[in-house]
Every structure is written in structure tokens, then in C-alpha cells.
Amino acid sequence: MQYVVYPDKQDASPTSWSHALPVGEWTHVAVVNDGRATVMYVDGSKIARNPTQPSTGIATLGKPFVIGATQSAQQFGQGFDGSIGDVRISSRALHPGEFLMPLK
């Protein structure tokens, strides 16, 4: 899993990379930006390969917010072959205890 954020105050693209994800299993992914940093969680656990660069907010650059595909030069690239069950965007950074985790 890869997540790239485009911060609103610096020319950077901090990227989170997860470990290998199992094929054919439902996985909970959360990306949290608290206005200072972006952190990815997989199944409730903070991943080890989150960026150390700050990401003070999120810029849209006037482009669409993309989930499940890559985007470059106004063209969509590689897509996600699977199902996305729920997307929540909140007005504040959530703590892991507030994630909508499924019972396993």
C-alpha cells in the first residue's frame, strides 16, 4: 500500500509505504494527517515506513482526490483491483482507538 500526500506549505511529496499485504483478505487502512505529519496505519498498527518529512496540511493543487489509482499529468494510471468498503474523511485527526475496525 502506498499513500502520497502533497502538503500545502512545502514542495514535497511525503510517501507512506506499508509492508506486503495479504491477497484475498480484507485490510483496514487509515491515513491520518494532524496538520504536522501524515501517518498510515494498517489493521490498527502504525506502519514503520511513514515519511519523516513534515506535511503541514494537504493541498489539492486543483486536482481530484484519488483513491485506488495513480494519477500523473491529469491521467489515471495503475488502478486497484479490489473493493473499497468505506471511506471516511473527518474534520480532525483521529486516534487509532477511533478507527472503524472490523471484528476479526
PDB file of N, CA and C in Angstrom:
ATOM      1  N   MET A   1       0.849  -1.150   0.000  1.00  0.00           N
ATOM      2  CA  MET A   1       0.000   0.000   0.000  1.00  0.00           C
ATOM      3  C   MET A   1       0.901   1.221   0.000  1.00  0.00           C
ATOM      4  N   GLN A   2       0.580   2.185  -0.835  1.00  0.00           N
ATOM      5  CA  GLN A   2       1.324   3.429  -0.906  1.00  0.00           C
ATOM      6  C   GLN A   2       0.353   4.593  -0.774  1.00  0.00           C
ATOM      7  N   TYR A   3       0.768   5.623  -0.009  1.00  0.00           N
ATOM      8  CA  TYR A   3      -0.022   6.834   0.087  1.00  0.00           C
ATOM      9  C   TYR A   3       0.925   8.025  -0.027  1.00  0.00           C
ATOM     10  N   VAL A   4       0.625   8.918  -0.956  1.00  0.00           N
ATOM     11  CA  VAL A   4       1.425  10.126  -1.154  1.00  0.00           C
ATOM     12  C   VAL A   4       0.563  11.323  -0.776  1.00  0.00           C
ATOM     13  N   VAL A   5       1.133  12.229   0.007  1.00  0.00           N
ATOM     14  CA  VAL A   5       0.423  13.453   0.371  1.00  0.00           C
ATOM     15  C   VAL A   5       1.176  14.631  -0.239  1.00  0.00           C
ATOM     16  N   TYR A   6       0.420  15.633  -0.677  1.00  0.00           N
ATOM     17  CA  TYR A   6       1.017  16.855  -1.192  1.00  0.00           C
ATOM     18  C   TYR A   6       0.715  17.961  -0.185  1.00  0.00           C
ATOM     19  N   PRO A   7       1.693  18.304   0.687  1.00  0.00           N
ATOM     20  CA  PRO A   7       1.483  19.304   1.723  1.00  0.00           C
ATOM     21  C   PRO A   7       1.196  20.679   1.126  1.00  0.00           C
ATOM     22  N   ASP A   8       0.493  21.503   1.904  1.00  0.00           N
ATOM     23  CA  ASP A   8       0.128  22.817   1.381  1.00  0.00           C
ATOM     24  C   ASP A   8       1.193  23.887   1.597  1.00  0.00           C
ATOM     25  N   LYS A   9       2.229  23.632   2.411  1.00  0.00           N
ATOM     26  CA  LYS A   9       3.214  24.668   2.686  1.00  0.00           C
ATOM     27  C   LYS A   9       4.632  24.331   2.219  1.00  0.00           C
ATOM     28  N   GLN A  10       4.848  23.200   1.593  1.00  0.00           N
ATOM     29  CA  GLN A  10       6.188  22.900   1.092  1.00  0.00           C
ATOM     30  C   GLN A  10       6.089  22.101  -0.200  1.00  0.00           C
ATOM     31  N   ASP A  11       7.127  22.198  -1.002  1.00  0.00           N
ATOM     32  CA  ASP A  11       7.179  21.463  -2.262  1.00  0.00           C
ATOM     33  C   ASP A  11       7.773  20.086  -1.970  1.00  0.00           C
ATOM     34  N   ALA A  12       6.923  19.153  -1.628  1.00  0.00           N
ATOM     35  CA  ALA A  12       7.372  17.819  -1.239  1.00  0.00           C
ATOM     36  C   ALA A  12       6.246  16.833  -1.499  1.00  0.00           C
ATOM     37  N   SER A  13       6.571  15.573  -1.446  1.00  0.00           N
ATOM     38  CA  SER A  13       5.554  14.525  -1.592  1.00  0.00           C
ATOM     39  C   SER A  13       5.864  13.383  -0.621  1.00  0.00           C
ATOM     40  N   PRO A  14       5.705  13.624   0.689  1.00  0.00           N
ATOM     41  CA  PRO A  14       5.947  12.567   1.670  1.00  0.00           C
ATOM     42  C   PRO A  14       5.103  11.328   1.355  1.00  0.00           C
ATOM     43  N   THR A  15       5.745  10.177   1.347  1.00  0.00           N
ATOM     44  CA  THR A  15       5.092   8.938   0.930  1.00  0.00           C
ATOM     45  C   THR A  15       5.176   7.885   2.024  1.00  0.00           C
ATOM     46  N   SER A  16       4.050   7.249   2.311  1.00  0.00           N
ATOM     47  CA  SER A  16       3.990   6.123   3.249  1.00  0.00           C
ATOM     48  C   SER A  16       3.955   4.831   2.437  1.00  0.00           C
ATOM     49  N   TRP A  17       4.697   3.832   2.895  1.00  0.00           N
ATOM     50  CA  TRP A  17       4.723   2.508   2.254  1.00  0.00           C
ATOM     51  C   TRP A  17       4.456   1.457   3.319  1.00  0.00           C
ATOM     52  N   SER A  18       3.465   0.624   3.099  1.00  0.00           N
ATOM     53  CA  SER A  18       3.183  -0.428   4.076  1.00  0.00           C
ATOM     54  C   SER A  18       4.048  -1.653   3.795  1.00  0.00           C
ATOM     55  N   HIS A  19       3.929  -2.633   4.669  1.00  0.00           N
ATOM     56  CA  HIS A  19       4.516  -3.943   4.429  1.00  0.00           C
ATOM     57  C   HIS A  19       3.672  -4.642   3.352  1.00  0.00           C
ATOM     58  N   ALA A  20       4.076  -5.820   2.932  1.00  0.00           N
ATOM     59  CA  ALA A  20       3.283  -6.585   1.960  1.00  0.00           C
ATOM     60  C   ALA A  20       1.936  -6.930   2.587  1.00  0.00           C
ATOM     61  N   LEU A  21       0.875  -6.752   1.825  1.00  0.00           N
ATOM     62  CA  LEU A  21      -0.462  -7.051   2.325  1.00  0.00           C
ATOM     63  C   LEU A  21      -0.930  -8.394   1.786  1.00  0.00           C
ATOM     64  N   PRO A  22      -1.630  -9.176   2.593  1.00  0.00           N
ATOM     65  CA  PRO A  22      -2.097 -10.486   2.139  1.00  0.00           C
ATOM     66  C   PRO A  22      -3.135 -10.353   1.020  1.00  0.00           C
ATOM     67  N   VAL A  23      -3.066 -11.227   0.059  1.00  0.00           N
ATOM     68  CA  VAL A  23      -4.014 -11.245  -1.056  1.00  0.00           C
ATOM     69  C   VAL A  23      -5.292 -11.941  -0.616  1.00  0.00           C
ATOM     70  N   GLY A  24      -6.423 -11.385  -1.001  1.00  0.00           N
ATOM     71  CA  GLY A  24      -7.697 -12.038  -0.720  1.00  0.00           C
ATOM     72  C   GLY A  24      -8.226 -11.820   0.687  1.00  0.00           C
ATOM     73  N   GLU A  25      -7.611 -10.928   1.450  1.00  0.00           N
ATOM     74  CA  GLU A  25      -8.078 -10.648   2.804  1.00  0.00           C
ATOM     75  C   GLU A  25      -8.472  -9.190   2.910  1.00  0.00           C
ATOM     76  N   TRP A  26      -9.485  -8.895   3.726  1.00  0.00           N
ATOM     77  CA  TRP A  26      -9.910  -7.539   3.974  1.00  0.00           C
ATOM     78  C   TRP A  26      -8.880  -6.886   4.874  1.00  0.00           C
ATOM     79  N   THR A  27      -8.436  -5.692   4.518  1.00  0.00           N
ATOM     80  CA  THR A  27      -7.437  -4.968   5.290  1.00  0.00           C
ATOM     81  C   THR A  27      -7.958  -3.576   5.613  1.00  0.00           C
ATOM     82  N   HIS A  28      -7.828  -3.159   6.856  1.00  0.00           N
ATOM     83  CA  HIS A  28      -8.226  -1.810   7.257  1.00  0.00           C
ATOM     84  C   HIS A  28      -7.008  -0.900   7.113  1.00  0.00           C
ATOM     85  N   VAL A  29      -7.153   0.176   6.347  1.00  0.00           N
ATOM     86  CA  VAL A  29      -6.079   1.147   6.155  1.00  0.00           C
ATOM     87  C   VAL A  29      -6.591   2.507   6.604  1.00  0.00           C
ATOM     88  N   ALA A  30      -5.808   3.188   7.422  1.00  0.00           N
ATOM     89  CA  ALA A  30      -6.150   4.548   7.855  1.00  0.00           C
ATOM     90  C   ALA A  30      -4.959   5.450   7.576  1.00  0.00           C
ATOM     91  N   VAL A  31      -5.234   6.613   7.020  1.00  0.00           N
ATOM     92  CA  VAL A  31      -4.210   7.627   6.794  1.00  0.00           C
ATOM     93  C   VAL A  31      -4.644   8.857   7.579  1.00  0.00           C
ATOM     94  N   VAL A  32      -3.787   9.300   8.502  1.00  0.00           N
ATOM     95  CA  VAL A  32      -4.123  10.392   9.401  1.00  0.00           C
ATOM     96  C   VAL A  32      -3.135  11.539   9.192  1.00  0.00           C
ATOM     97  N   ASN A  33      -3.662  12.745   8.949  1.00  0.00           N
ATOM     98  CA  ASN A  33      -2.836  13.947   8.876  1.00  0.00           C
ATOM     99  C   ASN A  33      -3.324  14.891   9.962  1.00  0.00           C
ATOM    100  N   ASP A  34      -2.427  15.214  10.894  1.00  0.00           N
ATOM    101  CA  ASP A  34      -2.805  16.085  12.007  1.00  0.00           C
ATOM    102  C   ASP A  34      -2.369  17.537  11.785  1.00  0.00           C
ATOM    103  N   GLY A  35      -2.032  17.890  10.559  1.00  0.00           N
ATOM    104  CA  GLY A  35      -1.577  19.239  10.250  1.00  0.00           C
ATOM    105  C   GLY A  35      -0.074  19.401  10.371  1.00  0.00           C
ATOM    106  N   ARG A  36       0.598  18.374  10.898  1.00  0.00           N
ATOM    107  CA  ARG A  36       2.066  18.387  11.027  1.00  0.00           C
ATOM    108  C   ARG A  36       2.706  17.234  10.284  1.00  0.00           C
ATOM    109  N   ALA A  37       2.054  16.078  10.289  1.00  0.00           N
ATOM    110  CA  ALA A  37       2.615  14.875   9.673  1.00  0.00           C
ATOM    111  C   ALA A  37       1.491  13.982   9.173  1.00  0.00           C
ATOM    112  N   THR A  38       1.819  13.104   8.236  1.00  0.00           N
ATOM    113  CA  THR A  38       0.876  12.113   7.731  1.00  0.00           C
ATOM    114  C   THR A  38       1.370  10.739   8.158  1.00  0.00           C
ATOM    115  N   VAL A  39       0.478   9.956   8.752  1.00  0.00           N
ATOM    116  CA  VAL A  39       0.832   8.632   9.267  1.00  0.00           C
ATOM    117  C   VAL A  39      -0.166   7.617   8.743  1.00  0.00           C
ATOM    118  N   MET A  40       0.336   6.484   8.239  1.00  0.00           N
ATOM    119  CA  MET A  40      -0.525   5.391   7.766  1.00  0.00           C
ATOM    120  C   MET A  40      -0.557   4.283   8.815  1.00  0.00           C
ATOM    121  N   TYR A  41      -1.752   3.722   9.000  1.00  0.00           N
ATOM    122  CA  TYR A  41      -1.963   2.581   9.881  1.00  0.00           C
ATOM    123  C   TYR A  41      -2.558   1.452   9.051  1.00  0.00           C
ATOM    124  N   VAL A  42      -2.120   0.225   9.286  1.00  0.00           N
ATOM    125  CA  VAL A  42      -2.692  -0.953   8.641  1.00  0.00           C
ATOM    126  C   VAL A  42      -3.204  -1.875   9.731  1.00  0.00           C
ATOM    127  N   ASP A  43      -4.492  -2.189   9.672  1.00  0.00           N
ATOM    128  CA  ASP A  43      -5.151  -3.009  10.692  1.00  0.00           C
ATOM    129  C   ASP A  43      -4.880  -2.481  12.102  1.00  0.00           C
ATOM    130  N   GLY A  44      -4.903  -1.146  12.238  1.00  0.00           N
ATOM    131  CA  GLY A  44      -4.756  -0.502  13.532  1.00  0.00           C
ATOM    132  C   GLY A  44      -3.337  -0.272  14.000  1.00  0.00           C
ATOM    133  N   SER A  45      -2.336  -0.787  13.257  1.00  0.00           N
ATOM    134  CA  SER A  45      -0.936  -0.633  13.667  1.00  0.00           C
ATOM    135  C   SER A  45      -0.234   0.402  12.794  1.00  0.00           C
ATOM    136  N   LYS A  46       0.508   1.289  13.442  1.00  0.00           N
ATOM    137  CA  LYS A  46       1.280   2.298  12.718  1.00  0.00           C
ATOM    138  C   LYS A  46       2.372   1.584  11.920  1.00  0.00           C
ATOM    139  N   ILE A  47       2.469   1.894  10.629  1.00  0.00           N
ATOM    140  CA  ILE A  47       3.483   1.229   9.814  1.00  0.00           C
ATOM    141  C   ILE A  47       4.855   1.827  10.082  1.00  0.00           C
ATOM    142  N   ALA A  48       5.901   1.083   9.771  1.00  0.00           N
ATOM    143  CA  ALA A  48       7.267   1.526  10.042  1.00  0.00           C
ATOM    144  C   ALA A  48       7.785   2.496   8.981  1.00  0.00           C
ATOM    145  N   ARG A  49       7.220   2.456   7.783  1.00  0.00           N
ATOM    146  CA  ARG A  49       7.770   3.266   6.692  1.00  0.00           C
ATOM    147  C   ARG A  49       6.902   4.492   6.395  1.00  0.00           C
ATOM    148  N   ASN A  50       6.599   5.259   7.436  1.00  0.00           N
ATOM    149  CA  ASN A  50       5.953   6.549   7.270  1.00  0.00           C
ATOM    150  C   ASN A  50       7.042   7.583   7.008  1.00  0.00           C
ATOM    151  N   PRO A  51       6.740   8.650   6.274  1.00  0.00           N
ATOM    152  CA  PRO A  51       7.765   9.638   5.966  1.00  0.00           C
ATOM    153  C   PRO A  51       8.181  10.442   7.199  1.00  0.00           C
ATOM    154  N   THR A  52       9.434  10.882   7.208  1.00  0.00           N
ATOM    155  CA  THR A  52       9.903  11.749   8.285  1.00  0.00           C
ATOM    156  C   THR A  52       9.714  13.217   7.914  1.00  0.00           C
ATOM    157  N   GLN A  53       9.445  13.500   6.638  1.00  0.00           N
ATOM    158  CA  GLN A  53       9.185  14.876   6.212  1.00  0.00           C
ATOM    159  C   GLN A  53       7.901  15.382   6.849  1.00  0.00           C
ATOM    160  N   PRO A  54       7.861  16.649   7.218  1.00  0.00           N
ATOM    161  CA  PRO A  54       6.593  17.199   7.709  1.00  0.00           C
ATOM    162  C   PRO A  54       5.594  17.323   6.569  1.00  0.00           C
ATOM    163  N   SER A  55       4.338  17.311   6.892  1.00  0.00           N
ATOM    164  CA  SER A  55       3.293  17.570   5.889  1.00  0.00           C
ATOM    165  C   SER A  55       2.221  18.401   6.566  1.00  0.00           C
ATOM    166  N   THR A  56       2.423  19.689   6.491  1.00  0.00           N
ATOM    167  CA  THR A  56       1.555  20.650   7.173  1.00  0.00           C
ATOM    168  C   THR A  56       0.309  20.902   6.351  1.00  0.00           C
ATOM    169  N   GLY A  57      -0.684  20.074   6.538  1.00  0.00           N
ATOM    170  CA  GLY A  57      -1.918  20.194   5.781  1.00  0.00           C
ATOM    171  C   GLY A  57      -1.823  19.451   4.462  1.00  0.00           C
ATOM    172  N   ILE A  58      -2.898  19.490   3.712  1.00  0.00           N
ATOM    173  CA  ILE A  58      -2.970  18.756   2.450  1.00  0.00           C
ATOM    174  C   ILE A  58      -3.422  19.709   1.354  1.00  0.00           C
ATOM    175  N   ALA A  59      -2.662  19.772   0.284  1.00  0.00           N
ATOM    176  CA  ALA A  59      -3.013  20.626  -0.858  1.00  0.00           C
ATOM    177  C   ALA A  59      -3.719  19.797  -1.916  1.00  0.00           C
ATOM    178  N   THR A  60      -4.655  20.385  -2.607  1.00  0.00           N
ATOM    179  CA  THR A  60      -5.328  19.669  -3.694  1.00  0.00           C
ATOM    180  C   THR A  60      -4.733  20.020  -5.046  1.00  0.00           C
ATOM    181  N   LEU A  61      -4.037  21.134  -5.131  1.00  0.00           N
ATOM    182  CA  LEU A  61      -3.456  21.603  -6.385  1.00  0.00           C
ATOM    183  C   LEU A  61      -4.504  21.721  -7.475  1.00  0.00           C
ATOM    184  N   GLY A  62      -5.776  21.816  -7.070  1.00  0.00           N
ATOM    185  CA  GLY A  62      -6.854  21.921  -8.044  1.00  0.00           C
ATOM    186  C   GLY A  62      -7.143  20.627  -8.768  1.00  0.00           C
ATOM    187  N   LYS A  63      -6.636  19.527  -8.246  1.00  0.00           N
ATOM    188  CA  LYS A  63      -6.808  18.222  -8.887  1.00  0.00           C
ATOM    189  C   LYS A  63      -7.722  17.346  -8.042  1.00  0.00           C
ATOM    190  N   PRO A  64      -8.286  16.283  -8.634  1.00  0.00           N
ATOM    191  CA  PRO A  64      -9.186  15.416  -7.869  1.00  0.00           C
ATOM    192  C   PRO A  64      -8.433  14.610  -6.811  1.00  0.00           C
ATOM    193  N   PHE A  65      -9.146  14.292  -5.733  1.00  0.00           N
ATOM    194  CA  PHE A  65      -8.632  13.402  -4.700  1.00  0.00           C
ATOM    195  C   PHE A  65      -8.807  11.988  -5.222  1.00  0.00           C
ATOM    196  N   VAL A  66      -7.740  11.221  -5.322  1.00  0.00           N
ATOM    197  CA  VAL A  66      -7.790   9.905  -5.956  1.00  0.00           C
ATOM    198  C   VAL A  66      -7.586   8.812  -4.908  1.00  0.00           C
ATOM    199  N   ILE A  67      -8.482   7.848  -4.882  1.00  0.00           N
ATOM    200  CA  ILE A  67      -8.349   6.663  -4.036  1.00  0.00           C
ATOM    201  C   ILE A  67      -8.429   5.458  -4.959  1.00  0.00           C
ATOM    202  N   GLY A  68      -7.432   4.598  -4.900  1.00  0.00           N
ATOM    203  CA  GLY A  68      -7.472   3.359  -5.668  1.00  0.00           C
ATOM    204  C   GLY A  68      -6.840   3.426  -7.040  1.00  0.00           C
ATOM    205  N   ALA A  69      -6.074   4.472  -7.330  1.00  0.00           N
ATOM    206  CA  ALA A  69      -5.392   4.559  -8.624  1.00  0.00           C
ATOM    207  C   ALA A  69      -4.257   5.560  -8.518  1.00  0.00           C
ATOM    208  N   THR A  70      -3.362   5.492  -9.477  1.00  0.00           N
ATOM    209  CA  THR A  70      -2.325   6.511  -9.565  1.00  0.00           C
ATOM    210  C   THR A  70      -2.795   7.593 -10.521  1.00  0.00           C
ATOM    211  N   GLN A  71      -2.213   8.776 -10.387  1.00  0.00           N
ATOM    212  CA  GLN A  71      -2.583   9.887 -11.258  1.00  0.00           C
ATOM    213  C   GLN A  71      -1.337  10.690 -11.556  1.00  0.00           C
ATOM    214  N   SER A  72      -1.114  10.974 -12.816  1.00  0.00           N
ATOM    215  CA  SER A  72       0.017  11.789 -13.230  1.00  0.00           C
ATOM    216  C   SER A  72      -0.350  12.506 -14.513  1.00  0.00           C
ATOM    217  N   ALA A  73      -0.002  13.772 -14.599  1.00  0.00           N
ATOM    218  CA  ALA A  73      -0.252  14.573 -15.800  1.00  0.00           C
ATOM    219  C   ALA A  73      -1.720  14.499 -16.230  1.00  0.00           C
ATOM    220  N   GLN A  74      -2.627  14.600 -15.252  1.00  0.00           N
ATOM    221  CA  GLN A  74      -4.074  14.584 -15.497  1.00  0.00           C
ATOM    222  C   GLN A  74      -4.595  13.268 -16.084  1.00  0.00           C
ATOM    223  N   GLN A  75      -3.816  12.194 -15.973  1.00  0.00           N
ATOM    224  CA  GLN A  75      -4.225  10.877 -16.477  1.00  0.00           C
ATOM    225  C   GLN A  75      -4.171   9.872 -15.333  1.00  0.00           C
ATOM    226  N   PHE A  76      -5.166   8.991 -15.268  1.00  0.00           N
ATOM    227  CA  PHE A  76      -5.161   7.945 -14.259  1.00  0.00           C
ATOM    228  C   PHE A  76      -4.351   6.770 -14.773  1.00  0.00           C
ATOM    229  N   GLY A  77      -3.565   6.189 -13.887  1.00  0.00           N
ATOM    230  CA  GLY A  77      -2.700   5.080 -14.256  1.00  0.00           C
ATOM    231  C   GLY A  77      -3.167   3.795 -13.613  1.00  0.00           C
ATOM    232  N   GLN A  78      -2.223   3.093 -13.012  1.00  0.00           N
ATOM    233  CA  GLN A  78      -2.489   1.795 -12.409  1.00  0.00           C
ATOM    234  C   GLN A  78      -3.624   1.892 -11.411  1.00  0.00           C
ATOM    235  N   GLY A  79      -4.584   1.006 -11.519  1.00  0.00           N
ATOM    236  CA  GLY A  79      -5.740   1.011 -10.631  1.00  0.00           C
ATOM    237  C   GLY A  79      -5.708  -0.119  -9.633  1.00  0.00           C
ATOM    238  N   PHE A  80      -6.535  -0.001  -8.630  1.00  0.00           N
ATOM    239  CA  PHE A  80      -6.679  -1.006  -7.582  1.00  0.00           C
ATOM    240  C   PHE A  80      -7.710  -2.025  -8.035  1.00  0.00           C
ATOM    241  N   ASP A  81      -7.355  -3.301  -7.989  1.00  0.00           N
ATOM    242  CA  ASP A  81      -8.258  -4.371  -8.395  1.00  0.00           C
ATOM    243  C   ASP A  81      -8.812  -5.026  -7.131  1.00  0.00           C
ATOM    244  N   GLY A  82      -9.887  -4.483  -6.622  1.00  0.00           N
ATOM    245  CA  GLY A  82     -10.473  -4.997  -5.392  1.00  0.00           C
ATOM    246  C   GLY A  82     -11.666  -4.145  -4.997  1.00  0.00           C
ATOM    247  N   SER A  83     -12.058  -4.245  -3.750  1.00  0.00           N
ATOM    248  CA  SER A  83     -13.195  -3.486  -3.248  1.00  0.00           C
ATOM    249  C   SER A  83     -12.751  -2.526  -2.160  1.00  0.00           C
ATOM    250  N   ILE A  84     -13.298  -1.330  -2.192  1.00  0.00           N
ATOM    251  CA  ILE A  84     -13.084  -0.366  -1.126  1.00  0.00           C
ATOM    252  C   ILE A  84     -14.416  -0.247  -0.406  1.00  0.00           C
ATOM    253  N   GLY A  85     -14.429  -0.648   0.859  1.00  0.00           N
ATOM    254  CA  GLY A  85     -15.692  -0.751   1.574  1.00  0.00           C
ATOM    255  C   GLY A  85     -16.201   0.527   2.191  1.00  0.00           C
ATOM    256  N   ASP A  86     -15.310   1.409   2.649  1.00  0.00           N
ATOM    257  CA  ASP A  86     -15.765   2.598   3.354  1.00  0.00           C
ATOM    258  C   ASP A  86     -14.651   3.624   3.307  1.00  0.00           C
ATOM    259  N   VAL A  87     -15.002   4.859   3.075  1.00  0.00           N
ATOM    260  CA  VAL A  87     -14.052   5.964   3.120  1.00  0.00           C
ATOM    261  C   VAL A  87     -14.637   7.013   4.052  1.00  0.00           C
ATOM    262  N   ARG A  88     -13.860   7.401   5.069  1.00  0.00           N
ATOM    263  CA  ARG A  88     -14.291   8.461   5.980  1.00  0.00           C
ATOM    264  C   ARG A  88     -13.278   9.585   5.929  1.00  0.00           C
ATOM    265  N   ILE A  89     -13.751  10.793   5.780  1.00  0.00           N
ATOM    266  CA  ILE A  89     -12.906  11.972   5.868  1.00  0.00           C
ATOM    267  C   ILE A  89     -13.457  12.793   7.019  1.00  0.00           C
ATOM    268  N   SER A  90     -12.617  13.053   8.014  1.00  0.00           N
ATOM    269  CA  SER A  90     -13.093  13.747   9.206  1.00  0.00           C
ATOM    270  C   SER A  90     -12.499  15.154   9.277  1.00  0.00           C
ATOM    271  N   SER A  91     -13.056  15.958  10.145  1.00  0.00           N
ATOM    272  CA  SER A  91     -12.613  17.344  10.297  1.00  0.00           C
ATOM    273  C   SER A  91     -11.424  17.473  11.245  1.00  0.00           C
ATOM    274  N   ARG A  92     -10.971  16.354  11.802  1.00  0.00           N
ATOM    275  CA  ARG A  92      -9.817  16.359  12.703  1.00  0.00           C
ATOM    276  C   ARG A  92      -9.100  15.020  12.603  1.00  0.00           C
ATOM    277  N   ALA A  93      -7.868  14.995  13.069  1.00  0.00           N
ATOM    278  CA  ALA A  93      -7.101  13.747  13.068  1.00  0.00           C
ATOM    279  C   ALA A  93      -7.691  12.780  14.089  1.00  0.00           C
ATOM    280  N   LEU A  94      -7.952  11.544  13.670  1.00  0.00           N
ATOM    281  CA  LEU A  94      -8.487  10.525  14.575  1.00  0.00           C
ATOM    282  C   LEU A  94      -7.351   9.751  15.229  1.00  0.00           C
ATOM    283  N   HIS A  95      -7.589   9.291  16.438  1.00  0.00           N
ATOM    284  CA  HIS A  95      -6.655   8.407  17.128  1.00  0.00           C
ATOM    285  C   HIS A  95      -7.013   6.970  16.754  1.00  0.00           C
ATOM    286  N   PRO A  96      -6.045   6.038  16.775  1.00  0.00           N
ATOM    287  CA  PRO A  96      -6.334   4.648  16.384  1.00  0.00           C
ATOM    288  C   PRO A  96      -7.544   4.030  17.080  1.00  0.00           C
ATOM    289  N   GLY A  97      -7.824   4.398  18.321  1.00  0.00           N
ATOM    290  CA  GLY A  97      -8.985   3.864  19.031  1.00  0.00           C
ATOM    291  C   GLY A  97     -10.313   4.310  18.431  1.00  0.00           C
ATOM    292  N   GLU A  98     -10.289   5.329  17.560  1.00  0.00           N
ATOM    293  CA  GLU A  98     -11.494   5.839  16.926  1.00  0.00           C
ATOM    294  C   GLU A  98     -11.722   5.265  15.527  1.00  0.00           C
ATOM    295  N   PHE A  99     -10.803   4.438  15.028  1.00  0.00           N
ATOM    296  CA  PHE A  99     -10.959   3.840  13.702  1.00  0.00           C
ATOM    297  C   PHE A  99     -12.137   2.862  13.706  1.00  0.00           C
ATOM    298  N   LEU A 100     -12.802   2.726  12.586  1.00  0.00           N
ATOM    299  CA  LEU A 100     -13.900   1.752  12.448  1.00  0.00           C
ATOM    300  C   LEU A 100     -13.317   0.408  12.046  1.00  0.00           C
ATOM    301  N   MET A 101     -12.723  -0.271  12.995  1.00  0.00           N
ATOM    302  CA  MET A 101     -12.077  -1.558  12.744  1.00  0.00           C
ATOM    303  C   MET A 101     -13.104  -2.678  12.780  1.00  0.00           C
ATOM    304  N   PRO A 102     -13.021  -3.607  11.840  1.00  0.00           N
ATOM    305  CA  PRO A 102     -13.934  -4.761  11.869  1.00  0.00           C
ATOM    306  C   PRO A 102     -13.496  -5.758  12.935  1.00  0.00           C
ATOM    307  N   LEU A 103     -14.423  -6.560  13.406  1.00  0.00           N
ATOM    308  CA  LEU A 103     -14.095  -7.642  14.310  1.00  0.00           C
ATOM    309  C   LEU A 103     -13.510  -8.780  13.508  1.00  0.00           C
ATOM    310  N   LYS A 104     -12.404  -9.336  13.956  1.00  0.00           N
ATOM    311  CA  LYS A 104     -11.783 -10.434  13.222  1.00  0.00           C
ATOM    312  C   LYS A 104     -11.852 -11.697  14.026  1.00  0.00           C
TER     313      LYS A 104
END
